[in-house]
PDB file of all heavy atoms in Angstrom:
ATOM      1  N   THR A   1      -4.410 -15.016  19.970  1.00  0.00           N
ATOM      2  CA  THR A   1      -3.854 -13.717  19.618  1.00  0.00           C
ATOM      3  C   THR A   1      -2.380 -13.611  20.014  1.00  0.00           C
ATOM      4  O   THR A   1      -1.934 -14.232  20.987  1.00  0.00           O
ATOM      5  CB  THR A   1      -4.632 -12.574  20.288  1.00  0.00           C
ATOM      6  OG1 THR A   1      -4.616 -12.764  21.706  1.00  0.00           O
ATOM      7  CG2 THR A   1      -6.065 -12.522  19.797  1.00  0.00           C
ATOM      8  N   ILE A   2      -1.670 -12.827  19.252  1.00  0.00           N
ATOM      9  CA  ILE A   2      -0.268 -12.512  19.527  1.00  0.00           C
ATOM     10  C   ILE A   2      -0.114 -11.006  19.340  1.00  0.00           C
ATOM     11  O   ILE A   2      -0.633 -10.446  18.375  1.00  0.00           O
ATOM     12  CB  ILE A   2       0.678 -13.251  18.567  1.00  0.00           C
ATOM     13  CG1 ILE A   2       0.605 -14.765  18.797  1.00  0.00           C
ATOM     14  CG2 ILE A   2       2.115 -12.758  18.737  1.00  0.00           C
ATOM     15  CD1 ILE A   2       1.416 -15.554  17.786  1.00  0.00           C
ATOM     16  N   TYR A   3       0.618 -10.377  20.259  1.00  0.00           N
ATOM     17  CA  TYR A   3       0.878  -8.946  20.176  1.00  0.00           C
ATOM     18  C   TYR A   3       2.372  -8.669  20.241  1.00  0.00           C
ATOM     19  O   TYR A   3       3.111  -9.357  20.964  1.00  0.00           O
ATOM     20  CB  TYR A   3       0.208  -8.194  21.334  1.00  0.00           C
ATOM     21  CG  TYR A   3      -1.298  -8.222  21.308  1.00  0.00           C
ATOM     22  CD1 TYR A   3      -2.004  -9.230  21.960  1.00  0.00           C
ATOM     23  CD2 TYR A   3      -2.015  -7.251  20.626  1.00  0.00           C
ATOM     24  CE1 TYR A   3      -3.392  -9.270  21.935  1.00  0.00           C
ATOM     25  CE2 TYR A   3      -3.407  -7.272  20.601  1.00  0.00           C
ATOM     26  CZ  TYR A   3      -4.080  -8.287  21.257  1.00  0.00           C
ATOM     27  OH  TYR A   3      -5.456  -8.311  21.218  1.00  0.00           O
ATOM     28  N   ALA A   4       2.796  -7.646  19.531  1.00  0.00           N
ATOM     29  CA  ALA A   4       4.143  -7.146  19.732  1.00  0.00           C
ATOM     30  C   ALA A   4       4.226  -6.563  21.140  1.00  0.00           C
ATOM     31  O   ALA A   4       3.234  -6.031  21.666  1.00  0.00           O
ATOM     32  CB  ALA A   4       4.460  -6.078  18.698  1.00  0.00           C
ATOM     33  N   ASP A   5       5.394  -6.662  21.735  1.00  0.00           N
ATOM     34  CA  ASP A   5       5.540  -6.260  23.140  1.00  0.00           C
ATOM     35  C   ASP A   5       5.094  -4.825  23.387  1.00  0.00           C
ATOM     36  O   ASP A   5       4.454  -4.532  24.404  1.00  0.00           O
ATOM     37  CB  ASP A   5       6.995  -6.437  23.578  1.00  0.00           C
ATOM     38  CG  ASP A   5       7.374  -7.894  23.778  1.00  0.00           C
ATOM     39  OD1 ASP A   5       6.445  -8.727  23.871  1.00  0.00           O
ATOM     40  OD2 ASP A   5       8.565  -8.187  23.837  1.00  0.00           O
ATOM     41  N   SER A   6       5.416  -3.930  22.478  1.00  0.00           N
ATOM     42  CA  SER A   6       5.116  -2.517  22.710  1.00  0.00           C
ATOM     43  C   SER A   6       3.625  -2.197  22.605  1.00  0.00           C
ATOM     44  O   SER A   6       3.195  -1.109  22.986  1.00  0.00           O
ATOM     45  CB  SER A   6       5.897  -1.646  21.730  1.00  0.00           C
ATOM     46  OG  SER A   6       5.532  -1.945  20.402  1.00  0.00           O
ATOM     47  N   MET A   7       2.831  -3.144  22.101  1.00  0.00           N
ATOM     48  CA  MET A   7       1.405  -2.934  21.948  1.00  0.00           C
ATOM     49  C   MET A   7       0.578  -3.638  23.025  1.00  0.00           C
ATOM     50  O   MET A   7      -0.612  -3.353  23.168  1.00  0.00           O
ATOM     51  CB  MET A   7       0.922  -3.446  20.591  1.00  0.00           C
ATOM     52  CG  MET A   7       1.336  -2.593  19.398  1.00  0.00           C
ATOM     53  SD  MET A   7       3.114  -2.654  19.110  1.00  0.00           S
ATOM     54  CE  MET A   7       3.262  -2.283  17.405  1.00  0.00           C
ATOM     55  N   LYS A   8       1.207  -4.547  23.761  1.00  0.00           N
ATOM     56  CA  LYS A   8       0.466  -5.302  24.767  1.00  0.00           C
ATOM     57  C   LYS A   8      -0.151  -4.370  25.802  1.00  0.00           C
ATOM     58  O   LYS A   8       0.507  -3.460  26.302  1.00  0.00           O
ATOM     59  CB  LYS A   8       1.391  -6.302  25.466  1.00  0.00           C
ATOM     60  CG  LYS A   8       1.788  -7.486  24.607  1.00  0.00           C
ATOM     61  CD  LYS A   8       2.702  -8.436  25.369  1.00  0.00           C
ATOM     62  CE  LYS A   8       3.123  -9.593  24.500  1.00  0.00           C
ATOM     63  NZ  LYS A   8       4.082 -10.488  25.193  1.00  0.00           N
ATOM     64  N   GLY A   9      -1.425  -4.608  26.085  1.00  0.00           N
ATOM     65  CA  GLY A   9      -2.129  -3.799  27.071  1.00  0.00           C
ATOM     66  C   GLY A   9      -2.718  -2.523  26.517  1.00  0.00           C
ATOM     67  O   GLY A   9      -3.543  -1.888  27.179  1.00  0.00           O
ATOM     68  N   ARG A  10      -2.326  -2.125  25.315  1.00  0.00           N
ATOM     69  CA  ARG A  10      -2.864  -0.901  24.703  1.00  0.00           C
ATOM     70  C   ARG A  10      -3.728  -1.211  23.494  1.00  0.00           C
ATOM     71  O   ARG A  10      -4.703  -0.516  23.225  1.00  0.00           O
ATOM     72  CB  ARG A  10      -1.721   0.021  24.275  1.00  0.00           C
ATOM     73  CG  ARG A  10      -0.840   0.499  25.408  1.00  0.00           C
ATOM     74  CD  ARG A  10       0.089   1.611  24.949  1.00  0.00           C
ATOM     75  NE  ARG A  10       0.966   1.189  23.863  1.00  0.00           N
ATOM     76  CZ  ARG A  10       1.072   1.830  22.697  1.00  0.00           C
ATOM     77  NH1 ARG A  10       0.338   2.908  22.444  1.00  0.00           N
ATOM     78  NH2 ARG A  10       1.917   1.387  21.765  1.00  0.00           N
ATOM     79  N   PHE A  11      -3.349  -2.239  22.727  1.00  0.00           N
ATOM     80  CA  PHE A  11      -4.059  -2.589  21.492  1.00  0.00           C
ATOM     81  C   PHE A  11      -4.804  -3.900  21.681  1.00  0.00           C
ATOM     82  O   PHE A  11      -4.323  -4.803  22.383  1.00  0.00           O
ATOM     83  CB  PHE A  11      -3.078  -2.741  20.341  1.00  0.00           C
ATOM     84  CG  PHE A  11      -2.400  -1.471  19.887  1.00  0.00           C
ATOM     85  CD1 PHE A  11      -2.553  -0.282  20.578  1.00  0.00           C
ATOM     86  CD2 PHE A  11      -1.606  -1.483  18.748  1.00  0.00           C
ATOM     87  CE1 PHE A  11      -1.923   0.880  20.157  1.00  0.00           C
ATOM     88  CE2 PHE A  11      -0.973  -0.331  18.303  1.00  0.00           C
ATOM     89  CZ  PHE A  11      -1.129   0.848  19.010  1.00  0.00           C
ATOM     90  N   THR A  12      -5.950  -4.012  21.031  1.00  0.00           N
ATOM     91  CA  THR A  12      -6.726  -5.243  21.055  1.00  0.00           C
ATOM     92  C   THR A  12      -7.158  -5.595  19.644  1.00  0.00           C
ATOM     93  O   THR A  12      -7.823  -4.799  18.976  1.00  0.00           O
ATOM     94  CB  THR A  12      -7.965  -5.112  21.943  1.00  0.00           C
ATOM     95  OG1 THR A  12      -7.574  -4.750  23.273  1.00  0.00           O
ATOM     96  CG2 THR A  12      -8.733  -6.441  21.991  1.00  0.00           C
ATOM     97  N   ILE A  13      -6.766  -6.788  19.206  1.00  0.00           N
ATOM     98  CA  ILE A  13      -7.181  -7.276  17.888  1.00  0.00           C
ATOM     99  C   ILE A  13      -8.411  -8.158  18.065  1.00  0.00           C
ATOM    100  O   ILE A  13      -8.518  -8.915  19.050  1.00  0.00           O
ATOM    101  CB  ILE A  13      -6.027  -8.036  17.201  1.00  0.00           C
ATOM    102  CG1 ILE A  13      -6.368  -8.335  15.744  1.00  0.00           C
ATOM    103  CG2 ILE A  13      -5.663  -9.304  17.964  1.00  0.00           C
ATOM    104  CD1 ILE A  13      -5.176  -8.884  14.945  1.00  0.00           C
ATOM    105  N   SER A  14      -9.338  -8.055  17.127  1.00  0.00           N
ATOM    106  CA  SER A  14     -10.533  -8.893  17.174  1.00  0.00           C
ATOM    107  C   SER A  14     -11.016  -9.140  15.755  1.00  0.00           C
ATOM    108  O   SER A  14     -10.619  -8.439  14.824  1.00  0.00           O
ATOM    109  CB  SER A  14     -11.628  -8.236  18.015  1.00  0.00           C
ATOM    110  OG  SER A  14     -12.035  -7.007  17.437  1.00  0.00           O
ATOM    111  N   ARG A  15     -11.866 -10.134  15.613  1.00  0.00           N
ATOM    112  CA  ARG A  15     -12.391 -10.462  14.294  1.00  0.00           C
ATOM    113  C   ARG A  15     -13.855 -10.825  14.393  1.00  0.00           C
ATOM    114  O   ARG A  15     -14.293 -11.378  15.413  1.00  0.00           O
ATOM    115  CB  ARG A  15     -11.592 -11.612  13.660  1.00  0.00           C
ATOM    116  CG  ARG A  15     -11.685 -12.922  14.398  1.00  0.00           C
ATOM    117  CD  ARG A  15     -10.651 -13.921  13.859  1.00  0.00           C
ATOM    118  NE  ARG A  15     -10.913 -14.275  12.478  1.00  0.00           N
ATOM    119  CZ  ARG A  15     -10.001 -14.881  11.688  1.00  0.00           C
ATOM    120  NH1 ARG A  15      -8.788 -15.169  12.168  1.00  0.00           N
ATOM    121  NH2 ARG A  15     -10.316 -15.168  10.430  1.00  0.00           N
ATOM    122  N   ASP A  16     -14.580 -10.524  13.342  1.00  0.00           N
ATOM    123  CA  ASP A  16     -15.989 -10.891  13.220  1.00  0.00           C
ATOM    124  C   ASP A  16     -16.095 -11.753  11.968  1.00  0.00           C
ATOM    125  O   ASP A  16     -16.149 -11.240  10.843  1.00  0.00           O
ATOM    126  CB  ASP A  16     -16.852  -9.632  13.105  1.00  0.00           C
ATOM    127  CG  ASP A  16     -18.325  -9.943  13.060  1.00  0.00           C
ATOM    128  OD1 ASP A  16     -18.705 -11.073  12.691  1.00  0.00           O
ATOM    129  OD2 ASP A  16     -19.127  -9.036  13.364  1.00  0.00           O
ATOM    130  N   ASN A  17     -16.112 -13.066  12.171  1.00  0.00           N
ATOM    131  CA  ASN A  17     -16.128 -13.971  11.022  1.00  0.00           C
ATOM    132  C   ASN A  17     -17.425 -13.845  10.215  1.00  0.00           C
ATOM    133  O   ASN A  17     -17.413 -14.019   8.997  1.00  0.00           O
ATOM    134  CB  ASN A  17     -15.935 -15.411  11.479  1.00  0.00           C
ATOM    135  CG  ASN A  17     -14.514 -15.682  11.939  1.00  0.00           C
ATOM    136  OD1 ASN A  17     -13.579 -14.949  11.590  1.00  0.00           O
ATOM    137  ND2 ASN A  17     -14.343 -16.719  12.740  1.00  0.00           N
ATOM    138  N   GLY A  18     -18.506 -13.547  10.869  1.00  0.00           N
ATOM    139  CA  GLY A  18     -19.777 -13.390  10.160  1.00  0.00           C
ATOM    140  C   GLY A  18     -19.772 -12.219   9.191  1.00  0.00           C
ATOM    141  O   GLY A  18     -20.458 -12.241   8.167  1.00  0.00           O
ATOM    142  N   LYS A  19     -18.971 -11.185   9.509  1.00  0.00           N
ATOM    143  CA  LYS A  19     -18.895 -10.003   8.656  1.00  0.00           C
ATOM    144  C   LYS A  19     -17.571  -9.915   7.906  1.00  0.00           C
ATOM    145  O   LYS A  19     -17.318  -8.922   7.221  1.00  0.00           O
ATOM    146  CB  LYS A  19     -19.090  -8.740   9.507  1.00  0.00           C
ATOM    147  CG  LYS A  19     -20.468  -8.626  10.139  1.00  0.00           C
ATOM    148  CD  LYS A  19     -20.610  -7.337  10.930  1.00  0.00           C
ATOM    149  CE  LYS A  19     -22.012  -7.219  11.533  1.00  0.00           C
ATOM    150  NZ  LYS A  19     -22.173  -5.970  12.318  1.00  0.00           N
ATOM    151  N   SER A  20     -16.738 -10.950   8.047  1.00  0.00           N
ATOM    152  CA  SER A  20     -15.426 -10.965   7.371  1.00  0.00           C
ATOM    153  C   SER A  20     -14.660  -9.671   7.642  1.00  0.00           C
ATOM    154  O   SER A  20     -14.119  -9.043   6.721  1.00  0.00           O
ATOM    155  CB  SER A  20     -15.581 -11.171   5.864  1.00  0.00           C
ATOM    156  OG  SER A  20     -16.148 -12.436   5.592  1.00  0.00           O
ATOM    157  N   THR A  21     -14.641  -9.288   8.903  1.00  0.00           N
ATOM    158  CA  THR A  21     -14.031  -8.017   9.277  1.00  0.00           C
ATOM    159  C   THR A  21     -13.062  -8.210  10.431  1.00  0.00           C
ATOM    160  O   THR A  21     -13.337  -8.959  11.379  1.00  0.00           O
ATOM    161  CB  THR A  21     -15.106  -6.988   9.670  1.00  0.00           C
ATOM    162  OG1 THR A  21     -16.008  -6.820   8.572  1.00  0.00           O
ATOM    163  CG2 THR A  21     -14.486  -5.636   9.991  1.00  0.00           C
ATOM    164  N   LEU A  22     -11.947  -7.529  10.341  1.00  0.00           N
ATOM    165  CA  LEU A  22     -10.913  -7.519  11.362  1.00  0.00           C
ATOM    166  C   LEU A  22     -10.871  -6.135  11.982  1.00  0.00           C
ATOM    167  O   LEU A  22     -11.071  -5.135  11.284  1.00  0.00           O
ATOM    168  CB  LEU A  22      -9.563  -7.844  10.720  1.00  0.00           C
ATOM    169  CG  LEU A  22      -8.331  -7.819  11.600  1.00  0.00           C
ATOM    170  CD1 LEU A  22      -8.336  -9.032  12.543  1.00  0.00           C
ATOM    171  CD2 LEU A  22      -7.075  -7.811  10.752  1.00  0.00           C
ATOM    172  N   HIS A  23     -10.622  -6.081  13.286  1.00  0.00           N
ATOM    173  CA  HIS A  23     -10.551  -4.794  13.977  1.00  0.00           C
ATOM    174  C   HIS A  23      -9.267  -4.686  14.769  1.00  0.00           C
ATOM    175  O   HIS A  23      -8.657  -5.696  15.158  1.00  0.00           O
ATOM    176  CB  HIS A  23     -11.728  -4.631  14.934  1.00  0.00           C
ATOM    177  CG  HIS A  23     -13.061  -4.653  14.268  1.00  0.00           C
ATOM    178  ND1 HIS A  23     -13.537  -3.620  13.490  1.00  0.00           N
ATOM    179  CD2 HIS A  23     -14.031  -5.610  14.259  1.00  0.00           C
ATOM    180  CE1 HIS A  23     -14.731  -3.929  13.042  1.00  0.00           C
ATOM    181  NE2 HIS A  23     -15.062  -5.129  13.486  1.00  0.00           N
ATOM    182  N   LEU A  24      -8.870  -3.451  15.017  1.00  0.00           N
ATOM    183  CA  LEU A  24      -7.772  -3.177  15.938  1.00  0.00           C
ATOM    184  C   LEU A  24      -8.177  -1.964  16.774  1.00  0.00           C
ATOM    185  O   LEU A  24      -8.271  -0.855  16.239  1.00  0.00           O
ATOM    186  CB  LEU A  24      -6.465  -2.897  15.204  1.00  0.00           C
ATOM    187  CG  LEU A  24      -5.256  -2.678  16.108  1.00  0.00           C
ATOM    188  CD1 LEU A  24      -4.867  -3.985  16.805  1.00  0.00           C
ATOM    189  CD2 LEU A  24      -4.069  -2.122  15.325  1.00  0.00           C
ATOM    190  N   GLN A  25      -8.418  -2.194  18.044  1.00  0.00           N
ATOM    191  CA  GLN A  25      -8.703  -1.109  18.974  1.00  0.00           C
ATOM    192  C   GLN A  25      -7.383  -0.635  19.559  1.00  0.00           C
ATOM    193  O   GLN A  25      -6.646  -1.431  20.149  1.00  0.00           O
ATOM    194  CB  GLN A  25      -9.636  -1.580  20.090  1.00  0.00           C
ATOM    195  CG  GLN A  25      -9.944  -0.520  21.129  1.00  0.00           C
ATOM    196  CD  GLN A  25     -10.751   0.636  20.573  1.00  0.00           C
ATOM    197  OE1 GLN A  25     -11.698   0.442  19.811  1.00  0.00           O
ATOM    198  NE2 GLN A  25     -10.379   1.858  20.944  1.00  0.00           N
ATOM    199  N   MET A  26      -7.091   0.649  19.363  1.00  0.00           N
ATOM    200  CA  MET A  26      -5.823   1.212  19.818  1.00  0.00           C
ATOM    201  C   MET A  26      -6.108   2.286  20.861  1.00  0.00           C
ATOM    202  O   MET A  26      -6.776   3.280  20.560  1.00  0.00           O
ATOM    203  CB  MET A  26      -5.052   1.809  18.643  1.00  0.00           C
ATOM    204  CG  MET A  26      -4.817   0.813  17.517  1.00  0.00           C
ATOM    205  SD  MET A  26      -3.736   1.469  16.234  1.00  0.00           S
ATOM    206  CE  MET A  26      -4.765   2.784  15.575  1.00  0.00           C
ATOM    207  N   ASN A  27      -5.606   2.063  22.061  1.00  0.00           N
ATOM    208  CA  ASN A  27      -5.790   3.008  23.151  1.00  0.00           C
ATOM    209  C   ASN A  27      -4.442   3.550  23.615  1.00  0.00           C
ATOM    210  O   ASN A  27      -3.396   2.984  23.293  1.00  0.00           O
ATOM    211  CB  ASN A  27      -6.500   2.329  24.325  1.00  0.00           C
ATOM    212  CG  ASN A  27      -7.877   1.824  23.975  1.00  0.00           C
ATOM    213  OD1 ASN A  27      -8.586   2.414  23.157  1.00  0.00           O
ATOM    214  ND2 ASN A  27      -8.275   0.721  24.592  1.00  0.00           N
ATOM    215  N   SER A  28      -4.483   4.631  24.364  1.00  0.00           N
ATOM    216  CA  SER A  28      -3.253   5.233  24.919  1.00  0.00           C
ATOM    217  C   SER A  28      -2.197   5.431  23.836  1.00  0.00           C
ATOM    218  O   SER A  28      -1.038   5.059  24.006  1.00  0.00           O
ATOM    219  CB  SER A  28      -2.708   4.350  26.050  1.00  0.00           C
ATOM    220  OG  SER A  28      -3.662   4.164  27.062  1.00  0.00           O
ATOM    221  N   LEU A  29      -2.629   5.998  22.741  1.00  0.00           N
ATOM    222  CA  LEU A  29      -1.729   6.141  21.596  1.00  0.00           C
ATOM    223  C   LEU A  29      -0.589   7.102  21.894  1.00  0.00           C
ATOM    224  O   LEU A  29      -0.755   8.093  22.623  1.00  0.00           O
ATOM    225  CB  LEU A  29      -2.516   6.594  20.374  1.00  0.00           C
ATOM    226  CG  LEU A  29      -3.336   5.470  19.714  1.00  0.00           C
ATOM    227  CD1 LEU A  29      -4.412   6.044  18.807  1.00  0.00           C
ATOM    228  CD2 LEU A  29      -2.416   4.537  18.939  1.00  0.00           C
ATOM    229  N   LYS A  30       0.557   6.782  21.318  1.00  0.00           N
ATOM    230  CA  LYS A  30       1.773   7.567  21.498  1.00  0.00           C
ATOM    231  C   LYS A  30       2.255   8.066  20.137  1.00  0.00           C
ATOM    232  O   LYS A  30       1.897   7.514  19.106  1.00  0.00           O
ATOM    233  CB  LYS A  30       2.864   6.697  22.123  1.00  0.00           C
ATOM    234  CG  LYS A  30       2.463   5.988  23.401  1.00  0.00           C
ATOM    235  CD  LYS A  30       3.555   5.035  23.855  1.00  0.00           C
ATOM    236  CE  LYS A  30       3.146   4.267  25.108  1.00  0.00           C
ATOM    237  NZ  LYS A  30       4.199   3.313  25.534  1.00  0.00           N
ATOM    238  N   ALA A  31       3.099   9.070  20.161  1.00  0.00           N
ATOM    239  CA  ALA A  31       3.631   9.606  18.907  1.00  0.00           C
ATOM    240  C   ALA A  31       4.339   8.518  18.106  1.00  0.00           C
ATOM    241  O   ALA A  31       4.272   8.504  16.871  1.00  0.00           O
ATOM    242  CB  ALA A  31       4.581  10.763  19.209  1.00  0.00           C
ATOM    243  N   GLU A  32       4.992   7.601  18.800  1.00  0.00           N
ATOM    244  CA  GLU A  32       5.717   6.537  18.100  1.00  0.00           C
ATOM    245  C   GLU A  32       4.808   5.492  17.470  1.00  0.00           C
ATOM    246  O   GLU A  32       5.285   4.586  16.788  1.00  0.00           O
ATOM    247  CB  GLU A  32       6.732   5.863  19.040  1.00  0.00           C
ATOM    248  CG  GLU A  32       6.162   5.413  20.362  1.00  0.00           C
ATOM    249  CD  GLU A  32       6.389   6.434  21.467  1.00  0.00           C
ATOM    250  OE1 GLU A  32       6.228   7.655  21.221  1.00  0.00           O
ATOM    251  OE2 GLU A  32       6.710   5.995  22.592  1.00  0.00           O
ATOM    252  N   ASP A  33       3.516   5.590  17.704  1.00  0.00           N
ATOM    253  CA  ASP A  33       2.567   4.716  17.019  1.00  0.00           C
ATOM    254  C   ASP A  33       2.215   5.240  15.626  1.00  0.00           C
ATOM    255  O   ASP A  33       1.500   4.575  14.872  1.00  0.00           O
ATOM    256  CB  ASP A  33       1.280   4.572  17.835  1.00  0.00           C
ATOM    257  CG  ASP A  33       1.499   3.852  19.153  1.00  0.00           C
ATOM    258  OD1 ASP A  33       2.237   2.846  19.158  1.00  0.00           O
ATOM    259  OD2 ASP A  33       0.920   4.288  20.167  1.00  0.00           O
ATOM    260  N   THR A  34       2.704   6.419  15.291  1.00  0.00           N
ATOM    261  CA  THR A  34       2.444   6.989  13.964  1.00  0.00           C
ATOM    262  C   THR A  34       3.045   6.103  12.883  1.00  0.00           C
ATOM    263  O   THR A  34       4.239   5.785  12.915  1.00  0.00           O
ATOM    264  CB  THR A  34       3.039   8.403  13.872  1.00  0.00           C
ATOM    265  OG1 THR A  34       2.353   9.260  14.788  1.00  0.00           O
ATOM    266  CG2 THR A  34       2.908   8.950  12.464  1.00  0.00           C
ATOM    267  N   ALA A  35       2.210   5.676  11.955  1.00  0.00           N
ATOM    268  CA  ALA A  35       2.641   4.754  10.903  1.00  0.00           C
ATOM    269  C   ALA A  35       1.471   4.514   9.953  1.00  0.00           C
ATOM    270  O   ALA A  35       0.336   4.911  10.236  1.00  0.00           O
ATOM    271  CB  ALA A  35       3.096   3.426  11.508  1.00  0.00           C
ATOM    272  N   VAL A  36       1.791   3.843   8.866  1.00  0.00           N
ATOM    273  CA  VAL A  36       0.739   3.276   8.026  1.00  0.00           C
ATOM    274  C   VAL A  36       0.460   1.872   8.548  1.00  0.00           C
ATOM    275  O   VAL A  36       1.389   1.077   8.730  1.00  0.00           O
ATOM    276  CB  VAL A  36       1.152   3.229   6.546  1.00  0.00           C
ATOM    277  CG1 VAL A  36       0.048   2.570   5.709  1.00  0.00           C
ATOM    278  CG2 VAL A  36       1.444   4.627   6.030  1.00  0.00           C
ATOM    279  N   TYR A  37      -0.805   1.600   8.805  1.00  0.00           N
ATOM    280  CA  TYR A  37      -1.217   0.313   9.354  1.00  0.00           C
ATOM    281  C   TYR A  37      -1.820  -0.541   8.245  1.00  0.00           C
ATOM    282  O   TYR A  37      -2.720  -0.086   7.519  1.00  0.00           O
ATOM    283  CB  TYR A  37      -2.206   0.509  10.492  1.00  0.00           C
ATOM    284  CG  TYR A  37      -1.537   0.973  11.764  1.00  0.00           C
ATOM    285  CD1 TYR A  37      -1.010   2.254  11.864  1.00  0.00           C
ATOM    286  CD2 TYR A  37      -1.403   0.122  12.864  1.00  0.00           C
ATOM    287  CE1 TYR A  37      -0.376   2.681  13.011  1.00  0.00           C
ATOM    288  CE2 TYR A  37      -0.769   0.540  14.026  1.00  0.00           C
ATOM    289  CZ  TYR A  37      -0.250   1.825  14.080  1.00  0.00           C
ATOM    290  OH  TYR A  37       0.391   2.234  15.233  1.00  0.00           O
ATOM    291  N   TYR A  38      -1.324  -1.772   8.150  1.00  0.00           N
ATOM    292  CA  TYR A  38      -1.739  -2.690   7.091  1.00  0.00           C
ATOM    293  C   TYR A  38      -2.438  -3.911   7.679  1.00  0.00           C
ATOM    294  O   TYR A  38      -1.994  -4.477   8.687  1.00  0.00           O
ATOM    295  CB  TYR A  38      -0.533  -3.183   6.303  1.00  0.00           C
ATOM    296  CG  TYR A  38       0.201  -2.098   5.548  1.00  0.00           C
ATOM    297  CD1 TYR A  38       1.263  -1.417   6.130  1.00  0.00           C
ATOM    298  CD2 TYR A  38      -0.157  -1.764   4.246  1.00  0.00           C
ATOM    299  CE1 TYR A  38       1.954  -0.429   5.448  1.00  0.00           C
ATOM    300  CE2 TYR A  38       0.518  -0.775   3.549  1.00  0.00           C
ATOM    301  CZ  TYR A  38       1.573  -0.115   4.154  1.00  0.00           C
ATOM    302  OH  TYR A  38       2.253   0.863   3.464  1.00  0.00           O
ATOM    303  N   CYS A  39      -3.463  -4.321   7.005  1.00  0.00           N
ATOM    304  CA  CYS A  39      -4.170  -5.555   7.324  1.00  0.00           C
ATOM    305  C   CYS A  39      -3.561  -6.689   6.498  1.00  0.00           C
ATOM    306  O   CYS A  39      -3.193  -6.475   5.329  1.00  0.00           O
ATOM    307  CB  CYS A  39      -5.646  -5.363   6.967  1.00  0.00           C
ATOM    308  SG  CYS A  39      -6.679  -6.817   7.011  1.00  0.00           S
ATOM    309  N   SER A  40      -3.457  -7.868   7.091  1.00  0.00           N
ATOM    310  CA  SER A  40      -2.960  -9.025   6.346  1.00  0.00           C
ATOM    311  C   SER A  40      -3.873 -10.211   6.574  1.00  0.00           C
ATOM    312  O   SER A  40      -4.528 -10.327   7.611  1.00  0.00           O
ATOM    313  CB  SER A  40      -1.539  -9.381   6.773  1.00  0.00           C
ATOM    314  OG  SER A  40      -1.530  -9.972   8.061  1.00  0.00           O
ATOM    315  N   ALA A  41      -3.872 -11.110   5.582  1.00  0.00           N
ATOM    316  CA  ALA A  41      -4.633 -12.359   5.669  1.00  0.00           C
ATOM    317  C   ALA A  41      -3.746 -13.467   5.150  1.00  0.00           C
ATOM    318  O   ALA A  41      -3.213 -13.374   4.042  1.00  0.00           O
ATOM    319  CB  ALA A  41      -5.914 -12.268   4.842  1.00  0.00           C
ATOM    320  N   GLU A  42      -3.560 -14.504   5.961  1.00  0.00           N
ATOM    321  CA  GLU A  42      -2.658 -15.577   5.567  1.00  0.00           C
ATOM    322  C   GLU A  42      -3.289 -16.932   5.822  1.00  0.00           C
ATOM    323  O   GLU A  42      -3.807 -17.211   6.918  1.00  0.00           O
ATOM    324  CB  GLU A  42      -1.336 -15.467   6.323  1.00  0.00           C
ATOM    325  CG  GLU A  42      -0.309 -16.497   5.889  1.00  0.00           C
ATOM    326  CD  GLU A  42       1.072 -16.244   6.451  1.00  0.00           C
ATOM    327  OE1 GLU A  42       1.194 -15.414   7.377  1.00  0.00           O
ATOM    328  OE2 GLU A  42       2.035 -16.872   5.977  1.00  0.00           O
ATOM    329  N   TYR A  43      -3.227 -17.768   4.796  1.00  0.00           N
ATOM    330  CA  TYR A  43      -3.627 -19.179   4.951  1.00  0.00           C
ATOM    331  C   TYR A  43      -2.579 -20.028   4.253  1.00  0.00           C
ATOM    332  O   TYR A  43      -1.739 -20.628   4.903  1.00  0.00           O
ATOM    333  CB  TYR A  43      -5.023 -19.396   4.386  1.00  0.00           C
ATOM    334  CG  TYR A  43      -5.556 -20.801   4.581  1.00  0.00           C
ATOM    335  CD1 TYR A  43      -5.655 -21.350   5.853  1.00  0.00           C
ATOM    336  CD2 TYR A  43      -5.978 -21.570   3.499  1.00  0.00           C
ATOM    337  CE1 TYR A  43      -6.144 -22.630   6.046  1.00  0.00           C
ATOM    338  CE2 TYR A  43      -6.470 -22.840   3.693  1.00  0.00           C
ATOM    339  CZ  TYR A  43      -6.551 -23.379   4.962  1.00  0.00           C
ATOM    340  OH  TYR A  43      -7.023 -24.651   5.150  1.00  0.00           O
ATOM    341  N   VAL A  44      -2.587 -20.059   2.965  1.00  0.00           N
ATOM    342  CA  VAL A  44      -1.463 -20.610   2.199  1.00  0.00           C
ATOM    343  C   VAL A  44      -0.679 -19.437   1.619  1.00  0.00           C
ATOM    344  O   VAL A  44       0.541 -19.362   1.713  1.00  0.00           O
ATOM    345  CB  VAL A  44      -1.952 -21.542   1.076  1.00  0.00           C
ATOM    346  CG1 VAL A  44      -0.770 -22.014   0.235  1.00  0.00           C
ATOM    347  CG2 VAL A  44      -2.694 -22.727   1.684  1.00  0.00           C
TER     348      VAL A  44
END
């Protein structure tokens, strides 16, 4: 895993390969976290 500095310790990314699902647990949210959040998938 890799996190942006401002998210370290507050956000946790995880994946469930059996369900082809990605998660993002976001805690201690701040006003500056307001945004549209996008999922990405990269291989080639």
